[in-house]
Amino acid sequence: MQRRSIAVILSTGGAELDLPALGDLPSARVVRAEFARSEHAACVAATLEHQCPIAELVSVLRPWAAGRGWSVTVAPVKSRE
């Protein structure tokens, strides 16, 4: 079953955060991304498509993000059906 979630990723340590940096995102595919940047921080709200349950996605994304100097939180997108 295809699922959609929103991942909010924050970089405060100067680690690059742009669309190419999300290229090796594990267990999900980015279908939309909106970026915001300031002098000392960057963030992205990314709509993801994935097959796995959200808890499994979070358990994969958190260490992936931490390895890049980012933090991440994920929330499911509610179906409009």
C-alpha atoms as a PDB file:
ATOM      1  CA  MET A   1       0.000   0.000   0.000  1.00  0.00           C
ATOM      2  CA  GLN A   2       1.319   3.426  -0.980  1.00  0.00           C
ATOM      3  CA  ARG A   3       1.444   5.895   1.912  1.00  0.00           C
ATOM      4  CA  ARG A   4       2.192   9.619   2.086  1.00  0.00           C
ATOM      5  CA  SER A   5       3.864  11.489   4.907  1.00  0.00           C
ATOM      6  CA  ILE A   6       5.367  14.901   5.550  1.00  0.00           C
ATOM      7  CA  ALA A   7       8.959  14.963   6.770  1.00  0.00           C
ATOM      8  CA  VAL A   8      10.274  18.172   8.289  1.00  0.00           C
ATOM      9  CA  ILE A   9      14.064  18.181   8.260  1.00  0.00           C
ATOM     10  CA  LEU A  10      16.097  20.841  10.058  1.00  0.00           C
ATOM     11  CA  SER A  11      19.775  21.657   9.640  1.00  0.00           C
ATOM     12  CA  THR A  12      21.256  24.056  12.179  1.00  0.00           C
ATOM     13  CA  GLY A  13      24.905  23.072  11.957  1.00  0.00           C
ATOM     14  CA  GLY A  14      25.543  24.316   8.450  1.00  0.00           C
ATOM     15  CA  ALA A  15      25.147  20.893   6.807  1.00  0.00           C
ATOM     16  CA  GLU A  16      23.932  21.306   3.227  1.00  0.00           C
ATOM     17  CA  LEU A  17      20.190  20.764   2.883  1.00  0.00           C
ATOM     18  CA  ASP A  18      18.863  20.910  -0.676  1.00  0.00           C
ATOM     19  CA  LEU A  19      17.139  18.609  -3.146  1.00  0.00           C
ATOM     20  CA  PRO A  20      20.335  16.799  -4.235  1.00  0.00           C
ATOM     21  CA  ALA A  21      21.149  16.171  -0.538  1.00  0.00           C
ATOM     22  CA  LEU A  22      17.867  14.246  -0.277  1.00  0.00           C
ATOM     23  CA  GLY A  23      18.828  12.005  -3.202  1.00  0.00           C
ATOM     24  CA  ASP A  24      19.709   8.994  -1.061  1.00  0.00           C
ATOM     25  CA  LEU A  25      16.646   9.241   1.179  1.00  0.00           C
ATOM     26  CA  PRO A  26      16.043   5.688   2.440  1.00  0.00           C
ATOM     27  CA  SER A  27      12.683   3.865   2.233  1.00  0.00           C
ATOM     28  CA  ALA A  28      10.832   6.790   0.621  1.00  0.00           C
ATOM     29  CA  ARG A  29      10.602   8.993  -2.435  1.00  0.00           C
ATOM     30  CA  VAL A  30      10.323  12.792  -2.339  1.00  0.00           C
ATOM     31  CA  VAL A  31       7.316  13.970  -4.352  1.00  0.00           C
ATOM     32  CA  ARG A  32       7.370  17.606  -3.230  1.00  0.00           C
ATOM     33  CA  ALA A  33       9.767  19.740  -1.223  1.00  0.00           C
ATOM     34  CA  GLU A  34       9.653  23.299   0.087  1.00  0.00           C
ATOM     35  CA  PHE A  35      12.870  24.778   1.453  1.00  0.00           C
ATOM     36  CA  ALA A  36      13.518  27.712   3.771  1.00  0.00           C
ATOM     37  CA  ARG A  37      16.942  29.096   4.659  1.00  0.00           C
ATOM     38  CA  SER A  38      18.398  31.681   6.970  1.00  0.00           C
ATOM     39  CA  GLU A  39      21.964  32.611   7.765  1.00  0.00           C
ATOM     40  CA  HIS A  40      22.386  29.782  10.310  1.00  0.00           C
ATOM     41  CA  ALA A  41      19.671  27.230   9.528  1.00  0.00           C
ATOM     42  CA  ALA A  42      17.838  25.482   6.727  1.00  0.00           C
ATOM     43  CA  CYS A  43      14.737  23.337   6.704  1.00  0.00           C
ATOM     44  CA  VAL A  44      12.593  21.415   4.274  1.00  0.00           C
ATOM     45  CA  ALA A  45       9.018  20.205   4.413  1.00  0.00           C
ATOM     46  CA  ALA A  46       9.058  17.196   2.113  1.00  0.00           C
ATOM     47  CA  THR A  47       6.061  15.158   1.021  1.00  0.00           C
ATOM     48  CA  LEU A  48       7.159  11.534   0.863  1.00  0.00           C
ATOM     49  CA  GLU A  49       5.691   8.417  -0.683  1.00  0.00           C
ATOM     50  CA  HIS A  50       6.597   5.146   1.021  1.00  0.00           C
ATOM     51  CA  GLN A  51       5.439   1.554   1.412  1.00  0.00           C
ATOM     52  CA  CYS A  52       6.422   0.936   5.038  1.00  0.00           C
ATOM     53  CA  PRO A  53       4.456   1.954   8.149  1.00  0.00           C
ATOM     54  CA  ILE A  54       5.315   5.400   9.485  1.00  0.00           C
ATOM     55  CA  ALA A  55       7.029   4.030  12.609  1.00  0.00           C
ATOM     56  CA  GLU A  56       9.388   2.025  10.413  1.00  0.00           C
ATOM     57  CA  LEU A  57      10.036   5.069   8.210  1.00  0.00           C
ATOM     58  CA  VAL A  58      10.895   7.200  11.236  1.00  0.00           C
ATOM     59  CA  SER A  59      13.272   4.545  12.577  1.00  0.00           C
ATOM     60  CA  VAL A  60      15.156   4.629   9.252  1.00  0.00           C
ATOM     61  CA  LEU A  61      15.072   8.391   8.685  1.00  0.00           C
ATOM     62  CA  ARG A  62      16.270   9.547  12.116  1.00  0.00           C
ATOM     63  CA  PRO A  63      19.740   7.921  11.963  1.00  0.00           C
ATOM     64  CA  TRP A  64      20.030   8.834   8.264  1.00  0.00           C
ATOM     65  CA  ALA A  65      19.330  12.494   9.090  1.00  0.00           C
ATOM     66  CA  ALA A  66      21.538  12.504  12.197  1.00  0.00           C
ATOM     67  CA  GLY A  67      24.458  11.250  10.117  1.00  0.00           C
ATOM     68  CA  ARG A  68      24.133  14.435   8.048  1.00  0.00           C
ATOM     69  CA  GLY A  69      23.800  16.805  10.992  1.00  0.00           C
ATOM     70  CA  TRP A  70      20.038  17.129  10.619  1.00  0.00           C
ATOM     71  CA  SER A  71      17.021  16.360  12.750  1.00  0.00           C
ATOM     72  CA  VAL A  72      13.741  15.025  11.338  1.00  0.00           C
ATOM     73  CA  THR A  73      10.147  14.540  12.340  1.00  0.00           C
ATOM     74  CA  VAL A  74       7.507  12.763  10.277  1.00  0.00           C
ATOM     75  CA  ALA A  75       3.724  12.992  10.230  1.00  0.00           C
ATOM     76  CA  PRO A  76       1.252  11.036   8.108  1.00  0.00           C
ATOM     77  CA  VAL A  77      -0.791  12.783   5.440  1.00  0.00           C
ATOM     78  CA  LYS A  78      -4.449  12.087   6.095  1.00  0.00           C
ATOM     79  CA  SER A  79      -6.335  10.495   3.222  1.00  0.00           C
ATOM     80  CA  ARG A  80      -9.203  12.549   1.803  1.00  0.00           C
ATOM     81  CA  GLU A  81     -11.290   9.486   0.983  1.00  0.00           C
END
